[in-house]
Amino acid sequence: MASHNQSYRAGETKGRAEEKTNQAMGAMGEKAREAKEKTYETGRAAREKAHGAADSTKEWASDAAQTGREKAQAGKETTGGILEQTGEKVKSMAQGAAEAVKSTFGMAQHDEDVDKSSNATTNRRV
C-alpha cells in the first residue's frame, strides 16, 4: 500500500508543480506583454516628439531663410543707392575736370557762346 500512497503523493506533487509552473509562465507572459506595450508607447511618443522637433526645425529654417532674403534685398537696395550717388559724383567730377582742361587750353565755352550755338544751326570758324 505504501507504493500506492507514494504514487498518489507523487502525482499530487507533480500536479502542484505543473500548476505553479503554469501560473509563473502566465505571470511572465503578462509582464512580457506589458513591457511590449510600454516599449511600443515609448517608441510612438519618441516618434511624435521627433516629428514635432523636425517641424519646429523646418519652421525655424524657413523663417531664417526669409529673414536672410529680406536682409539681402535691403542690402541690394542700399548698395544700389550708394552706387548711384557715387556714379553721379564721379560724373560731376569728370565734367568739372573736362571743363578745367578746356579752360586751360582756351577751349571753354562761355555762357554767351553756349546760348548762340544752341540757337544757330551751324557754327563754323574760318
Protein backbone atom coordinates (compact mmCIF):
# COMPACT_ATOMS: atom_id res chain seq x y z
CA MET A 1 0.00 0.00 0.00
CA ALA A 2 2.93 2.24 0.55
CA SER A 3 3.65 2.25 -3.11
CA HIS A 4 0.09 3.23 -3.91
CA ASN A 5 0.29 6.04 -1.34
CA GLN A 6 3.67 7.13 -2.64
CA SER A 7 2.35 7.15 -6.19
CA TYR A 8 -0.62 9.26 -5.14
CA ARG A 9 1.58 11.80 -3.36
CA ALA A 10 3.96 11.93 -6.30
CA GLY A 11 1.04 12.68 -8.62
CA GLU A 12 -0.21 15.39 -6.29
CA THR A 13 3.24 16.94 -6.10
CA LYS A 14 3.56 16.80 -9.88
CA GLY A 15 0.16 18.45 -10.31
CA ARG A 16 1.03 21.25 -7.89
CA ALA A 17 4.36 21.79 -9.64
CA GLU A 18 2.64 21.97 -13.03
CA GLU A 19 0.09 24.42 -11.68
CA LYS A 20 2.81 26.67 -10.18
CA THR A 21 4.76 26.46 -13.44
CA ASN A 22 1.67 27.49 -15.43
CA GLN A 23 1.00 30.37 -13.04
CA ALA A 24 4.61 31.55 -13.31
CA MET A 25 4.50 31.28 -17.10
CA GLY A 26 1.25 33.25 -17.19
CA ALA A 27 2.70 35.96 -14.97
CA MET A 28 5.84 36.14 -17.12
CA GLY A 29 3.74 36.27 -20.29
CA GLU A 30 1.66 39.12 -18.83
CA LYS A 31 4.80 41.03 -17.84
CA ALA A 32 6.23 40.48 -21.33
CA ARG A 33 3.02 41.85 -22.91
CA GLU A 34 3.14 44.89 -20.59
CA ALA A 35 6.80 45.51 -21.46
CA LYS A 36 5.99 45.19 -25.17
CA GLU A 37 3.14 47.70 -24.89
CA LYS A 38 5.28 50.10 -22.87
CA THR A 39 8.08 49.85 -25.44
CA TYR A 40 5.59 50.47 -28.24
CA GLU A 41 4.15 53.52 -26.46
CA THR A 42 7.63 54.89 -25.71
CA GLY A 43 8.62 54.45 -29.36
CA ARG A 44 5.44 56.13 -30.56
CA ALA A 45 5.98 59.07 -28.18
CA ALA A 46 9.60 59.38 -29.34
CA ARG A 47 8.49 59.40 -33.00
CA GLU A 48 5.90 62.09 -32.27
CA LYS A 49 8.46 64.17 -30.39
CA ALA A 50 11.00 63.78 -33.20
CA HIS A 51 8.35 64.71 -35.76
CA GLY A 52 7.46 67.82 -33.72
CA ALA A 53 11.13 68.75 -33.44
CA ALA A 54 11.57 68.29 -37.19
CA ASP A 55 8.58 70.53 -37.86
CA SER A 56 9.97 73.17 -35.50
CA THR A 57 13.35 72.99 -37.20
CA LYS A 58 11.75 73.32 -40.64
CA GLU A 59 9.77 76.34 -39.48
CA TRP A 60 12.87 77.94 -37.92
CA ALA A 61 14.90 77.33 -41.09
CA SER A 62 12.14 78.80 -43.23
CA ASP A 63 11.95 81.89 -41.02
CA ALA A 64 15.74 82.26 -41.08
CA ALA A 65 15.79 81.96 -44.86
CA GLN A 66 13.03 84.57 -45.21
CA THR A 67 14.93 86.94 -42.92
CA GLY A 68 18.07 86.38 -44.98
CA ARG A 69 16.21 87.14 -48.21
CA GLU A 70 14.79 90.33 -46.71
CA LYS A 71 18.20 91.47 -45.47
CA ALA A 72 19.76 90.68 -48.84
CA GLN A 73 17.08 92.72 -50.61
CA ALA A 74 17.58 95.64 -48.23
CA GLY A 75 21.34 95.45 -48.76
CA LYS A 76 20.83 95.35 -52.50
CA GLU A 77 18.67 98.47 -52.38
CA THR A 78 21.16 100.29 -50.15
CA THR A 79 24.08 99.29 -52.37
CA GLY A 80 22.18 100.43 -55.47
CA GLY A 81 21.55 103.84 -53.90
CA ILE A 82 25.18 104.21 -52.88
CA LEU A 83 26.41 103.22 -56.33
CA GLU A 84 24.01 105.66 -57.96
CA GLN A 85 25.22 108.51 -55.73
CA THR A 86 28.84 107.58 -56.36
CA GLY A 87 28.21 107.47 -60.09
CA GLU A 88 26.68 110.93 -60.02
CA LYS A 89 29.65 112.28 -58.04
CA VAL A 90 32.14 110.72 -60.45
CA LYS A 91 30.22 112.09 -63.42
CA SER A 92 30.16 115.56 -61.88
CA MET A 93 33.88 115.39 -61.09
CA ALA A 94 34.66 114.25 -64.64
CA GLN A 95 32.64 117.12 -66.10
CA GLY A 96 34.44 119.56 -63.80
CA ALA A 97 37.82 118.13 -64.84
CA ALA A 98 36.89 118.36 -68.52
CA GLU A 99 35.84 121.99 -68.10
CA ALA A 100 39.11 122.72 -66.29
CA VAL A 101 41.15 121.19 -69.14
CA LYS A 102 39.14 123.08 -71.75
CA SER A 103 39.60 126.29 -69.81
CA THR A 104 43.34 125.68 -69.55
CA PHE A 105 43.64 125.23 -73.32
CA GLY A 106 41.26 128.09 -74.13
CA MET A 107 38.56 125.79 -75.47
CA ALA A 108 36.00 126.53 -72.78
CA GLN A 109 32.64 127.80 -73.90
CA HIS A 110 31.33 130.81 -72.15
CA ASP A 111 27.70 131.22 -71.29
CA GLU A 112 27.23 133.59 -74.25
CA ASP A 113 28.76 131.10 -76.72
CA VAL A 114 26.55 128.32 -75.38
CA ASP A 115 23.43 130.39 -75.97
CA LYS A 116 24.49 131.33 -79.54
CA SER A 117 25.50 127.83 -80.55
CA SER A 118 22.26 126.35 -79.28
CA ASN A 119 20.24 128.83 -81.40
CA ALA A 120 22.33 128.57 -84.56
CA THR A 121 22.08 125.53 -86.85
CA THR A 122 25.73 125.62 -87.95
CA ASN A 123 28.56 127.45 -86.27
CA ARG A 124 31.89 127.29 -88.15
CA ARG A 125 35.07 129.34 -87.87
CA VAL A 126 37.16 130.02 -90.89
